Amino acid sequence: MKFRFKPANKRYTILIVPEGTSPVFRFKMRFTLMLSMLITAAVIILLLLILAMANRSHSNRIVSLEAELTSSTDRLQSTVDDKEQAIDKLLTELLDLSEKSKTIESKMLELETLEAELKSITSGNRQANGTNTAVANPSAQALDQNGGVGGESIPLSDEDVRALIAETKESITISLNEMPDLQKRLKQTKLNVEKYKEMMMILPTYWPTDSTRITSHFGKRSDPFSNRLTSHNGLDIGGNSGDPVYAAANGKVTDTGYSSARGNFVTVSHPSGLQTIYMHLKQNIAAKGDTVKQGDTIGLLGSTGRSTGPHLHIEVIKGGVPVDPLNYLTIPGEDDKL
């Protein structure tokens, strides 16, 4: 026996009854069609739900991206502002470094000038009128901070910045290259100056009184007592009685005493081979055999012996022969005029 299953395919009638007297609508359809329509409607509804959820998800994503974009824009703007401030700061520091490099150049020029002056002094030559041979660098001169400043604010171009960097780099490079040689030369000059100072301590260069009033020079003169033409073997310096008399150089006191012509006197022999004699003293302070330093008080200025008034008669003896003391003595303040 065979059984055959026949699917039910009944017919259904759908009535649509409007209000009032409007006619009733009848729709007749088979079960399979109605099922297909229901399935189709369910699928459409499901698709709409899926699309709605996707749209909502995309909307949320868009909102999130917009917020992220806004945040990124703010961060970018902040970064740009920071970069601009950093660039301005770097440009300011570059300008400051450029000014400092010019100052270094100026200072090195001053050191070189000082070196030349020290060499000139130690070699016995002075520059006329103390003229500074350095050429002043206007850009390295100190500015008056109390004055007014102004002008337009004109940003530096890239070319200006590059030129400033190159100029500063060149200036610093030159200074660094020259500095070791300059330091070496200055060290040698310092040694020469020390030797020069030591030499000046044993030469009668120190002015022997507080007064600088010269009353009679070395050489021929009319004698103050006889009015006859005579030789004056020293230098007379007027002053007040009792003023200190200083040793003109380091040395040893080889003689002191009194004579009718010299009055109270002190003789000092110096390591240079020179001798100095200080006459007409009111009082001898240094004693024979004493070792004295340049500037030590060896007596008091007076008018003893063959003298017309308070003064110091100083003689410089070289090889047994009197020479002009002004060949050695430095009058206080005279260096400032040179």
C-alpha atoms as a PDB file:
ATOM      1  CA  MET A   1       0.000   0.000   0.000  1.00  0.00           C
ATOM      2  CA  LYS A   2       1.253   3.495  -0.784  1.00  0.00           C
ATOM      3  CA  PHE A   3       0.326   6.659   1.225  1.00  0.00           C
ATOM      4  CA  ARG A   4       0.652  10.035  -0.459  1.00  0.00           C
ATOM      5  CA  PHE A   5       0.813  13.133   1.651  1.00  0.00           C
ATOM      6  CA  LYS A   6      -0.924  16.102   0.187  1.00  0.00           C
ATOM      7  CA  PRO A   7      -0.047  19.362   1.762  1.00  0.00           C
ATOM      8  CA  ALA A   8      -2.969  21.415   2.807  1.00  0.00           C
ATOM      9  CA  ASN A   9      -3.531  24.280   0.477  1.00  0.00           C
ATOM     10  CA  LYS A  10      -6.674  25.736   1.832  1.00  0.00           C
ATOM     11  CA  ARG A  11      -8.037  29.016   0.710  1.00  0.00           C
ATOM     12  CA  TYR A  12      -8.443  31.889   3.150  1.00  0.00           C
ATOM     13  CA  THR A  13     -10.486  35.033   2.853  1.00  0.00           C
ATOM     14  CA  ILE A  14      -9.322  38.252   4.444  1.00  0.00           C
ATOM     15  CA  LEU A  15     -12.021  40.859   5.066  1.00  0.00           C
ATOM     16  CA  ILE A  16     -11.323  44.542   5.453  1.00  0.00           C
ATOM     17  CA  VAL A  17     -14.380  46.282   6.895  1.00  0.00           C
ATOM     18  CA  PRO A  18     -14.108  50.089   6.930  1.00  0.00           C
ATOM     19  CA  GLU A  19     -16.333  52.192   9.177  1.00  0.00           C
ATOM     20  CA  GLY A  20     -19.503  53.579   7.830  1.00  0.00           C
ATOM     21  CA  THR A  21     -21.189  52.390   4.706  1.00  0.00           C
ATOM     22  CA  SER A  22     -18.081  51.783   2.665  1.00  0.00           C
ATOM     23  CA  PRO A  23     -17.978  48.423   0.957  1.00  0.00           C
ATOM     24  CA  VAL A  24     -16.118  45.530   2.520  1.00  0.00           C
ATOM     25  CA  PHE A  25     -12.942  44.422   0.809  1.00  0.00           C
ATOM     26  CA  ARG A  26     -12.338  40.728   0.418  1.00  0.00           C
ATOM     27  CA  PHE A  27      -9.025  39.154  -0.339  1.00  0.00           C
ATOM     28  CA  LYS A  28      -8.856  35.515  -1.076  1.00  0.00           C
ATOM     29  CA  MET A  29      -5.538  33.741  -1.046  1.00  0.00           C
ATOM     30  CA  ARG A  30      -4.126  30.367  -0.553  1.00  0.00           C
ATOM     31  CA  PHE A  31      -2.244  29.368   2.573  1.00  0.00           C
ATOM     32  CA  THR A  32       1.129  29.181   0.800  1.00  0.00           C
ATOM     33  CA  LEU A  33       0.832  32.722  -0.518  1.00  0.00           C
ATOM     34  CA  MET A  34      -0.195  34.048   2.832  1.00  0.00           C
ATOM     35  CA  LEU A  35       2.708  32.222   4.473  1.00  0.00           C
ATOM     36  CA  SER A  36       5.096  33.653   1.863  1.00  0.00           C
ATOM     37  CA  MET A  37       3.848  37.143   2.510  1.00  0.00           C
ATOM     38  CA  LEU A  38       4.221  36.716   6.267  1.00  0.00           C
ATOM     39  CA  ILE A  39       7.726  35.392   5.840  1.00  0.00           C
ATOM     40  CA  THR A  40       8.571  38.233   3.452  1.00  0.00           C
ATOM     41  CA  ALA A  41       7.165  40.785   5.901  1.00  0.00           C
ATOM     42  CA  ALA A  42       9.130  39.200   8.746  1.00  0.00           C
ATOM     43  CA  VAL A  43      12.296  39.277   6.652  1.00  0.00           C
ATOM     44  CA  ILE A  44      11.703  42.926   5.734  1.00  0.00           C
ATOM     45  CA  ILE A  45      11.052  43.829   9.368  1.00  0.00           C
ATOM     46  CA  LEU A  46      14.199  41.918  10.374  1.00  0.00           C
ATOM     47  CA  LEU A  47      16.212  43.724   7.699  1.00  0.00           C
ATOM     48  CA  LEU A  48      14.836  47.064   8.851  1.00  0.00           C
ATOM     49  CA  LEU A  49      15.795  46.258  12.421  1.00  0.00           C
ATOM     50  CA  ILE A  50      19.294  45.257  11.288  1.00  0.00           C
ATOM     51  CA  LEU A  51      19.610  48.437   9.227  1.00  0.00           C
ATOM     52  CA  ALA A  52      18.365  50.535  12.144  1.00  0.00           C
ATOM     53  CA  MET A  53      20.886  48.961  14.491  1.00  0.00           C
ATOM     54  CA  ALA A  54      23.674  49.397  11.929  1.00  0.00           C
ATOM     55  CA  ASN A  55      22.667  52.998  11.360  1.00  0.00           C
ATOM     56  CA  ARG A  56      22.646  53.621  15.088  1.00  0.00           C
ATOM     57  CA  SER A  57      26.067  52.007  15.419  1.00  0.00           C
ATOM     58  CA  HIS A  58      27.402  54.107  12.532  1.00  0.00           C
ATOM     59  CA  SER A  59      25.871  57.232  14.045  1.00  0.00           C
ATOM     60  CA  ASN A  60      27.581  56.503  17.344  1.00  0.00           C
ATOM     61  CA  ARG A  61      30.837  55.833  15.490  1.00  0.00           C
ATOM     62  CA  ILE A  62      30.485  59.110  13.592  1.00  0.00           C
ATOM     63  CA  VAL A  63      29.867  60.999  16.826  1.00  0.00           C
ATOM     64  CA  SER A  64      32.889  59.288  18.371  1.00  0.00           C
ATOM     65  CA  LEU A  65      35.044  60.112  15.330  1.00  0.00           C
ATOM     66  CA  GLU A  66      33.864  63.689  15.360  1.00  0.00           C
ATOM     67  CA  ALA A  67      34.780  63.981  19.057  1.00  0.00           C
ATOM     68  CA  GLU A  68      38.145  62.344  18.375  1.00  0.00           C
ATOM     69  CA  LEU A  69      38.719  64.644  15.414  1.00  0.00           C
ATOM     70  CA  THR A  70      37.896  67.690  17.548  1.00  0.00           C
ATOM     71  CA  SER A  71      40.260  66.477  20.257  1.00  0.00           C
ATOM     72  CA  SER A  72      42.970  65.787  17.676  1.00  0.00           C
ATOM     73  CA  THR A  73      42.456  69.240  16.175  1.00  0.00           C
ATOM     74  CA  ASP A  74      42.801  70.835  19.601  1.00  0.00           C
ATOM     75  CA  ARG A  75      45.929  68.814  20.321  1.00  0.00           C
ATOM     76  CA  LEU A  76      47.351  69.709  16.912  1.00  0.00           C
ATOM     77  CA  GLN A  77      46.639  73.395  17.467  1.00  0.00           C
ATOM     78  CA  SER A  78      48.211  73.192  20.911  1.00  0.00           C
ATOM     79  CA  THR A  79      51.234  71.426  19.410  1.00  0.00           C
ATOM     80  CA  VAL A  80      51.507  74.075  16.689  1.00  0.00           C
ATOM     81  CA  ASP A  81      51.323  76.830  19.306  1.00  0.00           C
ATOM     82  CA  ASP A  82      53.961  75.065  21.411  1.00  0.00           C
ATOM     83  CA  LYS A  83      56.169  74.624  18.357  1.00  0.00           C
ATOM     84  CA  GLU A  84      55.812  78.305  17.462  1.00  0.00           C
ATOM     85  CA  GLN A  85      56.715  79.285  21.018  1.00  0.00           C
ATOM     86  CA  ALA A  86      59.670  76.885  20.943  1.00  0.00           C
ATOM     87  CA  ILE A  87      60.824  78.352  17.618  1.00  0.00           C
ATOM     88  CA  ASP A  88      60.511  81.897  18.990  1.00  0.00           C
ATOM     89  CA  LYS A  89      62.502  80.842  22.063  1.00  0.00           C
ATOM     90  CA  LEU A  90      65.174  79.196  19.914  1.00  0.00           C
ATOM     91  CA  LEU A  91      65.416  82.315  17.741  1.00  0.00           C
ATOM     92  CA  THR A  92      65.769  84.460  20.861  1.00  0.00           C
ATOM     93  CA  GLU A  93      68.469  82.144  22.229  1.00  0.00           C
ATOM     94  CA  LEU A  94      70.179  82.165  18.837  1.00  0.00           C
ATOM     95  CA  LEU A  95      70.205  85.961  18.821  1.00  0.00           C
ATOM     96  CA  ASP A  96      71.533  85.975  22.387  1.00  0.00           C
ATOM     97  CA  LEU A  97      74.217  83.460  21.423  1.00  0.00           C
ATOM     98  CA  SER A  98      75.131  85.628  18.439  1.00  0.00           C
ATOM     99  CA  GLU A  99      75.520  88.674  20.705  1.00  0.00           C
ATOM    100  CA  LYS A 100      77.607  86.630  23.148  1.00  0.00           C
ATOM    101  CA  SER A 101      79.838  85.397  20.329  1.00  0.00           C
ATOM    102  CA  LYS A 102      80.436  89.019  19.307  1.00  0.00           C
ATOM    103  CA  THR A 103      81.186  89.866  22.936  1.00  0.00           C
ATOM    104  CA  ILE A 104      83.699  86.991  23.018  1.00  0.00           C
ATOM    105  CA  GLU A 105      85.326  88.382  19.874  1.00  0.00           C
ATOM    106  CA  SER A 106      85.525  91.817  21.480  1.00  0.00           C
ATOM    107  CA  LYS A 107      86.967  90.403  24.716  1.00  0.00           C
ATOM    108  CA  MET A 108      89.553  88.404  22.794  1.00  0.00           C
ATOM    109  CA  LEU A 109      90.476  91.557  20.892  1.00  0.00           C
ATOM    110  CA  GLU A 110      90.844  93.356  24.216  1.00  0.00           C
ATOM    111  CA  LEU A 111      93.049  90.529  25.517  1.00  0.00           C
ATOM    112  CA  GLU A 112      95.198  90.717  22.404  1.00  0.00           C
ATOM    113  CA  THR A 113      95.487  94.479  22.875  1.00  0.00           C
ATOM    114  CA  LEU A 114      96.383  93.982  26.536  1.00  0.00           C
ATOM    115  CA  GLU A 115      98.960  91.406  25.506  1.00  0.00           C
ATOM    116  CA  ALA A 116     100.489  93.896  23.065  1.00  0.00           C
ATOM    117  CA  GLU A 117     100.527  96.623  25.726  1.00  0.00           C
ATOM    118  CA  LEU A 118     102.141  94.300  28.282  1.00  0.00           C
ATOM    119  CA  LYS A 119     104.759  93.286  25.758  1.00  0.00           C
ATOM    120  CA  SER A 120     105.325  96.939  24.946  1.00  0.00           C
ATOM    121  CA  ILE A 121     105.756  97.799  28.635  1.00  0.00           C
ATOM    122  CA  THR A 122     108.107  94.898  29.344  1.00  0.00           C
ATOM    123  CA  SER A 123     110.194  95.823  26.296  1.00  0.00           C
ATOM    124  CA  GLY A 124     110.426  99.407  27.528  1.00  0.00           C
ATOM    125  CA  ASN A 125     108.160 100.978  24.886  1.00  0.00           C
ATOM    126  CA  ARG A 126     104.891 102.759  25.634  1.00  0.00           C
ATOM    127  CA  GLN A 127     102.190 103.481  23.102  1.00  0.00           C
ATOM    128  CA  ALA A 128     101.845 107.189  22.499  1.00  0.00           C
ATOM    129  CA  ASN A 129      99.106 108.779  24.584  1.00  0.00           C
ATOM    130  CA  GLY A 130      97.930 105.360  25.744  1.00  0.00           C
ATOM    131  CA  THR A 131      96.060 104.870  22.484  1.00  0.00           C
ATOM    132  CA  ASN A 132      94.125 101.617  22.402  1.00  0.00           C
ATOM    133  CA  THR A 133      94.951  99.882  19.131  1.00  0.00           C
ATOM    134  CA  ALA A 134      91.851  97.687  19.339  1.00  0.00           C
ATOM    135  CA  VAL A 135      89.081  98.575  16.951  1.00  0.00           C
ATOM    136  CA  ALA A 136      85.893  98.826  18.942  1.00  0.00           C
ATOM    137  CA  ASN A 137      83.149  96.446  17.954  1.00  0.00           C
ATOM    138  CA  PRO A 138      79.953  98.510  18.078  1.00  0.00           C
ATOM    139  CA  SER A 139      77.708  95.454  18.215  1.00  0.00           C
ATOM    140  CA  ALA A 140      79.582  94.164  21.280  1.00  0.00           C
ATOM    141  CA  GLN A 141      79.372  97.401  23.223  1.00  0.00           C
ATOM    142  CA  ALA A 142      77.165  97.550  26.291  1.00  0.00           C
ATOM    143  CA  LEU A 143      73.721  98.995  25.664  1.00  0.00           C
ATOM    144  CA  ASP A 144      72.046 101.611  27.829  1.00  0.00           C
ATOM    145  CA  GLN A 145      69.114  99.736  29.351  1.00  0.00           C
ATOM    146  CA  ASN A 146      67.478 102.959  30.560  1.00  0.00           C
ATOM    147  CA  GLY A 147      66.873 104.425  27.106  1.00  0.00           C
ATOM    148  CA  GLY A 148      63.833 103.898  24.900  1.00  0.00           C
ATOM    149  CA  VAL A 149      63.665 101.385  22.068  1.00  0.00           C
ATOM    150  CA  GLY A 150      61.119 100.774  19.332  1.00  0.00           C
ATOM    151  CA  GLY A 151      60.435  99.949  15.712  1.00  0.00           C
ATOM    152  CA  GLU A 152      58.278  97.608  13.675  1.00  0.00           C
ATOM    153  CA  SER A 153      58.041  93.925  14.561  1.00  0.00           C
ATOM    154  CA  ILE A 154      59.435  92.243  11.433  1.00  0.00           C
ATOM    155  CA  PRO A 155      59.885  88.454  11.740  1.00  0.00           C
ATOM    156  CA  LEU A 156      63.158  86.963  10.562  1.00  0.00           C
ATOM    157  CA  SER A 157      62.979  85.142   7.261  1.00  0.00           C
ATOM    158  CA  ASP A 158      64.398  81.638   6.886  1.00  0.00           C
ATOM    159  CA  GLU A 159      67.312  83.158   4.978  1.00  0.00           C
ATOM    160  CA  ASP A 160      67.963  85.612   7.830  1.00  0.00           C
ATOM    161  CA  VAL A 161      67.932  82.760  10.364  1.00  0.00           C
ATOM    162  CA  ARG A 162      70.312  80.665   8.261  1.00  0.00           C
ATOM    163  CA  ALA A 163      72.658  83.640   7.847  1.00  0.00           C
ATOM    164  CA  LEU A 164      72.585  84.341  11.580  1.00  0.00           C
ATOM    165  CA  ILE A 165      73.318  80.686  12.374  1.00  0.00           C
ATOM    166  CA  ALA A 166      76.224  80.642   9.910  1.00  0.00           C
ATOM    167  CA  GLU A 167      77.622  83.918  11.260  1.00  0.00           C
ATOM    168  CA  THR A 168      77.370  82.757  14.876  1.00  0.00           C
ATOM    169  CA  LYS A 169      78.912  79.378  14.053  1.00  0.00           C
ATOM    170  CA  GLU A 170      81.795  81.039  12.226  1.00  0.00           C
ATOM    171  CA  SER A 171      82.373  83.515  15.064  1.00  0.00           C
ATOM    172  CA  ILE A 172      82.392  80.800  17.736  1.00  0.00           C
ATOM    173  CA  THR A 173      84.604  78.541  15.597  1.00  0.00           C
ATOM    174  CA  ILE A 174      87.148  81.311  15.055  1.00  0.00           C
ATOM    175  CA  SER A 175      87.161  82.176  18.765  1.00  0.00           C
ATOM    176  CA  LEU A 176      87.598  78.535  19.791  1.00  0.00           C
ATOM    177  CA  ASN A 177      90.418  78.073  17.273  1.00  0.00           C
ATOM    178  CA  GLU A 178      92.232  81.211  18.396  1.00  0.00           C
ATOM    179  CA  MET A 179      91.719  80.756  22.139  1.00  0.00           C
ATOM    180  CA  PRO A 180      94.380  78.046  22.813  1.00  0.00           C
ATOM    181  CA  ASP A 181      97.091  80.068  21.065  1.00  0.00           C
ATOM    182  CA  LEU A 182      95.965  83.243  22.849  1.00  0.00           C
ATOM    183  CA  GLN A 183      96.013  81.455  26.222  1.00  0.00           C
ATOM    184  CA  LYS A 184      99.516  80.180  25.524  1.00  0.00           C
ATOM    185  CA  ARG A 185     100.735  83.640  24.564  1.00  0.00           C
ATOM    186  CA  LEU A 186      99.078  85.222  27.610  1.00  0.00           C
ATOM    187  CA  LYS A 187     100.755  82.692  29.915  1.00  0.00           C
ATOM    188  CA  GLN A 188     104.118  83.577  28.403  1.00  0.00           C
ATOM    189  CA  THR A 189     103.304  87.281  28.652  1.00  0.00           C
ATOM    190  CA  LYS A 190     102.339  86.784  32.298  1.00  0.00           C
ATOM    191  CA  LEU A 191     105.718  85.186  32.967  1.00  0.00           C
ATOM    192  CA  ASN A 192     107.413  88.098  31.209  1.00  0.00           C
ATOM    193  CA  VAL A 193     105.390  90.578  33.284  1.00  0.00           C
ATOM    194  CA  GLU A 194     106.388  88.776  36.486  1.00  0.00           C
ATOM    195  CA  LYS A 195     110.024  88.957  35.444  1.00  0.00           C
ATOM    196  CA  TYR A 196     109.512  92.612  34.545  1.00  0.00           C
ATOM    197  CA  LYS A 197     107.971  93.297  37.970  1.00  0.00           C
ATOM    198  CA  GLU A 198     110.898  91.583  39.649  1.00  0.00           C
ATOM    199  CA  MET A 199     113.292  93.667  37.561  1.00  0.00           C
ATOM    200  CA  MET A 200     111.386  96.843  38.431  1.00  0.00           C
ATOM    201  CA  MET A 201     111.715  95.976  42.116  1.00  0.00           C
ATOM    202  CA  ILE A 202     115.528  96.028  41.915  1.00  0.00           C
ATOM    203  CA  LEU A 203     115.697  99.158  39.762  1.00  0.00           C
ATOM    204  CA  PRO A 204     115.166 102.565  41.424  1.00  0.00           C
ATOM    205  CA  THR A 205     111.783 103.201  39.849  1.00  0.00           C
ATOM    206  CA  TYR A 206     109.698 103.928  42.967  1.00  0.00           C
ATOM    207  CA  TRP A 207     109.122 107.632  43.644  1.00  0.00           C
ATOM    208  CA  PRO A 208     110.844 108.284  46.974  1.00  0.00           C
ATOM    209  CA  THR A 209     108.542 110.946  48.492  1.00  0.00           C
ATOM    210  CA  ASP A 210     104.870 111.832  48.819  1.00  0.00           C
ATOM    211  CA  SER A 211     105.535 115.117  47.036  1.00  0.00           C
ATOM    212  CA  THR A 212     106.212 115.241  43.301  1.00  0.00           C
ATOM    213  CA  ARG A 213     107.416 118.868  43.306  1.00  0.00           C
ATOM    214  CA  ILE A 214     110.829 118.910  41.623  1.00  0.00           C
ATOM    215  CA  THR A 215     112.876 121.909  42.737  1.00  0.00           C
ATOM    216  CA  SER A 216     116.116 121.212  40.867  1.00  0.00           C
ATOM    217  CA  HIS A 217     116.964 118.820  38.013  1.00  0.00           C
ATOM    218  CA  PHE A 218     120.069 116.738  37.381  1.00  0.00           C
ATOM    219  CA  GLY A 219     122.865 118.492  35.470  1.00  0.00           C
ATOM    220  CA  LYS A 220     124.437 121.919  35.342  1.00  0.00           C
ATOM    221  CA  ARG A 221     122.841 124.676  37.389  1.00  0.00           C
ATOM    222  CA  SER A 222     123.554 127.918  39.205  1.00  0.00           C
ATOM    223  CA  ASP A 223     124.606 127.009  42.728  1.00  0.00           C
ATOM    224  CA  PRO A 224     121.980 128.279  45.228  1.00  0.00           C
ATOM    225  CA  PHE A 225     124.679 129.513  47.630  1.00  0.00           C
ATOM    226  CA  SER A 226     127.448 130.855  45.358  1.00  0.00           C
ATOM    227  CA  ASN A 227     125.441 131.471  42.154  1.00  0.00           C
ATOM    228  CA  ARG A 228     128.338 129.868  40.286  1.00  0.00           C
ATOM    229  CA  LEU A 229     127.705 127.350  37.472  1.00  0.00           C
ATOM    230  CA  THR A 230     128.120 123.905  39.012  1.00  0.00           C
ATOM    231  CA  SER A 231     127.139 120.292  38.408  1.00  0.00           C
ATOM    232  CA  HIS A 232     124.137 118.940  40.265  1.00  0.00           C
ATOM    233  CA  ASN A 233     124.552 115.168  40.564  1.00  0.00           C
ATOM    234  CA  GLY A 234     121.023 114.387  41.731  1.00  0.00           C
ATOM    235  CA  LEU A 235     117.377 115.371  41.735  1.00  0.00           C
ATOM    236  CA  ASP A 236     115.869 117.701  44.352  1.00  0.00           C
ATOM    237  CA  ILE A 237     112.251 117.067  45.405  1.00  0.00           C
ATOM    238  CA  GLY A 238     110.610 119.656  47.646  1.00  0.00           C
ATOM    239  CA  GLY A 239     108.335 118.547  50.481  1.00  0.00           C
ATOM    240  CA  ASN A 240     107.295 119.013  54.076  1.00  0.00           C
ATOM    241  CA  SER A 241     109.777 118.442  56.855  1.00  0.00           C
ATOM    242  CA  GLY A 242     109.137 115.053  58.437  1.00  0.00           C
ATOM    243  CA  ASP A 243     107.548 113.494  55.340  1.00  0.00           C
ATOM    244  CA  PRO A 244     108.579 109.842  54.818  1.00  0.00           C
ATOM    245  CA  VAL A 245     111.355 109.022  52.382  1.00  0.00           C
ATOM    246  CA  TYR A 246     110.998 105.672  50.632  1.00  0.00           C
ATOM    247  CA  ALA A 247     113.524 103.225  49.185  1.00  0.00           C
ATOM    248  CA  ALA A 248     113.356 103.460  45.409  1.00  0.00           C
ATOM    249  CA  ALA A 249     114.199  99.754  44.989  1.00  0.00           C
ATOM    250  CA  ASN A 250     114.994  96.567  46.867  1.00  0.00           C
ATOM    251  CA  GLY A 251     118.482  96.557  48.299  1.00  0.00           C
ATOM    252  CA  LYS A 252     120.806  96.662  51.261  1.00  0.00           C
ATOM    253  CA  VAL A 253     121.783  99.743  53.263  1.00  0.00           C
ATOM    254  CA  THR A 254     125.537 100.053  52.802  1.00  0.00           C
ATOM    255  CA  ASP A 255     126.110 103.404  54.479  1.00  0.00           C
ATOM    256  CA  THR A 256     124.378 105.956  56.714  1.00  0.00           C
ATOM    257  CA  GLY A 257     125.626 109.016  58.556  1.00  0.00           C
ATOM    258  CA  TYR A 258     125.960 112.748  58.505  1.00  0.00           C
ATOM    259  CA  SER A 259     128.200 115.212  56.655  1.00  0.00           C
ATOM    260  CA  SER A 260     128.202 118.979  56.361  1.00  0.00           C
ATOM    261  CA  ALA A 261     127.287 118.790  52.667  1.00  0.00           C
ATOM    262  CA  ARG A 262     124.928 115.799  52.630  1.00  0.00           C
ATOM    263  CA  GLY A 263     123.404 116.266  56.046  1.00  0.00           C
ATOM    264  CA  ASN A 264     121.805 113.033  57.247  1.00  0.00           C
ATOM    265  CA  PHE A 265     122.062 110.511  54.426  1.00  0.00           C
ATOM    266  CA  VAL A 266     121.338 106.854  53.591  1.00  0.00           C
ATOM    267  CA  THR A 267     123.027 104.844  50.829  1.00  0.00           C
ATOM    268  CA  VAL A 268     121.346 101.730  49.419  1.00  0.00           C
ATOM    269  CA  SER A 269     122.992  99.231  47.069  1.00  0.00           C
ATOM    270  CA  HIS A 270     120.644  97.364  44.747  1.00  0.00           C
ATOM    271  CA  PRO A 271     120.942  93.886  43.131  1.00  0.00           C
ATOM    272  CA  SER A 272     120.918  95.612  39.740  1.00  0.00           C
ATOM    273  CA  GLY A 273     124.346  97.072  40.526  1.00  0.00           C
ATOM    274  CA  LEU A 274     122.983 100.578  41.012  1.00  0.00           C
ATOM    275  CA  GLN A 275     123.200 102.662  44.163  1.00  0.00           C
ATOM    276  CA  THR A 276     120.847 105.334  45.467  1.00  0.00           C
ATOM    277  CA  ILE A 277     121.787 108.044  47.969  1.00  0.00           C
ATOM    278  CA  TYR A 278     119.173 109.977  49.959  1.00  0.00           C
ATOM    279  CA  MET A 279     120.460 113.264  51.428  1.00  0.00           C
ATOM    280  CA  HIS A 280     119.430 116.162  53.714  1.00  0.00           C
ATOM    281  CA  LEU A 281     117.238 113.850  55.808  1.00  0.00           C
ATOM    282  CA  LYS A 282     115.753 115.117  59.016  1.00  0.00           C
ATOM    283  CA  GLN A 283     116.306 111.650  60.451  1.00  0.00           C
ATOM    284  CA  ASN A 284     117.831 108.389  59.280  1.00  0.00           C
ATOM    285  CA  ILE A 285     115.526 105.450  59.980  1.00  0.00           C
ATOM    286  CA  ALA A 286     117.317 102.636  58.131  1.00  0.00           C
ATOM    287  CA  ALA A 287     120.608 101.450  59.636  1.00  0.00           C
ATOM    288  CA  LYS A 288     123.697 100.163  57.916  1.00  0.00           C
ATOM    289  CA  GLY A 289     123.311  96.478  57.027  1.00  0.00           C
ATOM    290  CA  ASP A 290     119.504  96.617  56.845  1.00  0.00           C
ATOM    291  CA  THR A 291     117.761  94.895  53.953  1.00  0.00           C
ATOM    292  CA  VAL A 292     115.014  97.107  52.571  1.00  0.00           C
ATOM    293  CA  LYS A 293     112.177  96.538  50.139  1.00  0.00           C
ATOM    294  CA  GLN A 294     111.033  98.956  47.498  1.00  0.00           C
ATOM    295  CA  GLY A 295     108.695 101.433  49.211  1.00  0.00           C
ATOM    296  CA  ASP A 296     110.057 100.925  52.751  1.00  0.00           C
ATOM    297  CA  THR A 297     110.543 104.105  54.776  1.00  0.00           C
ATOM    298  CA  ILE A 298     114.273 104.672  55.247  1.00  0.00           C
ATOM    299  CA  GLY A 299     114.235 108.240  56.597  1.00  0.00           C
ATOM    300  CA  LEU A 300     112.361 111.490  57.074  1.00  0.00           C
ATOM    301  CA  LEU A 301     112.563 114.425  54.672  1.00  0.00           C
ATOM    302  CA  GLY A 302     114.427 117.439  56.097  1.00  0.00           C
ATOM    303  CA  SER A 303     116.894 120.257  55.429  1.00  0.00           C
ATOM    304  CA  THR A 304     120.131 119.134  57.070  1.00  0.00           C
ATOM    305  CA  GLY A 305     123.546 119.837  55.562  1.00  0.00           C
ATOM    306  CA  ARG A 306     123.998 122.141  52.590  1.00  0.00           C
ATOM    307  CA  SER A 307     120.347 122.890  51.999  1.00  0.00           C
ATOM    308  CA  THR A 308     118.148 125.954  51.575  1.00  0.00           C
ATOM    309  CA  GLY A 309     114.906 124.288  52.749  1.00  0.00           C
ATOM    310  CA  PRO A 310     113.084 120.978  53.269  1.00  0.00           C
ATOM    311  CA  HIS A 311     113.690 118.702  50.309  1.00  0.00           C
ATOM    312  CA  LEU A 312     115.154 115.328  49.334  1.00  0.00           C
ATOM    313  CA  HIS A 313     118.272 115.164  47.227  1.00  0.00           C
ATOM    314  CA  ILE A 314     118.410 111.710  45.588  1.00  0.00           C
ATOM    315  CA  GLU A 315     121.286 110.404  43.509  1.00  0.00           C
ATOM    316  CA  VAL A 316     121.500 107.311  41.315  1.00  0.00           C
ATOM    317  CA  ILE A 317     125.012 105.911  40.868  1.00  0.00           C
ATOM    318  CA  LYS A 318     125.739 103.602  37.926  1.00  0.00           C
ATOM    319  CA  GLY A 319     129.242 102.158  37.612  1.00  0.00           C
ATOM    320  CA  GLY A 320     130.513 104.754  40.037  1.00  0.00           C
ATOM    321  CA  VAL A 321     129.116 107.641  37.968  1.00  0.00           C
ATOM    322  CA  PRO A 322     126.009 109.704  38.882  1.00  0.00           C
ATOM    323  CA  VAL A 323     123.196 109.498  36.306  1.00  0.00           C
ATOM    324  CA  ASP A 324     119.883 111.339  36.016  1.00  0.00           C
ATOM    325  CA  PRO A 325     117.451 109.733  38.496  1.00  0.00           C
ATOM    326  CA  LEU A 326     114.558 110.520  36.139  1.00  0.00           C
ATOM    327  CA  ASN A 327     115.980 107.869  33.807  1.00  0.00           C
ATOM    328  CA  TYR A 328     114.621 105.393  36.371  1.00  0.00           C
ATOM    329  CA  LEU A 329     112.129 107.051  38.702  1.00  0.00           C
ATOM    330  CA  THR A 330     108.467 107.008  37.746  1.00  0.00           C
ATOM    331  CA  ILE A 331     106.591 110.126  38.798  1.00  0.00           C
ATOM    332  CA  PRO A 332     103.189 109.099  40.256  1.00  0.00           C
ATOM    333  CA  GLY A 333     100.416 109.789  37.755  1.00  0.00           C
ATOM    334  CA  GLU A 334     102.748 110.129  34.777  1.00  0.00           C
ATOM    335  CA  ASP A 335     101.825 106.666  33.450  1.00  0.00           C
ATOM    336  CA  ASP A 336      98.192 107.773  33.246  1.00  0.00           C
ATOM    337  CA  LYS A 337      99.182 110.570  30.900  1.00  0.00           C
ATOM    338  CA  LEU A 338     101.061 108.316  28.498  1.00  0.00           C
END
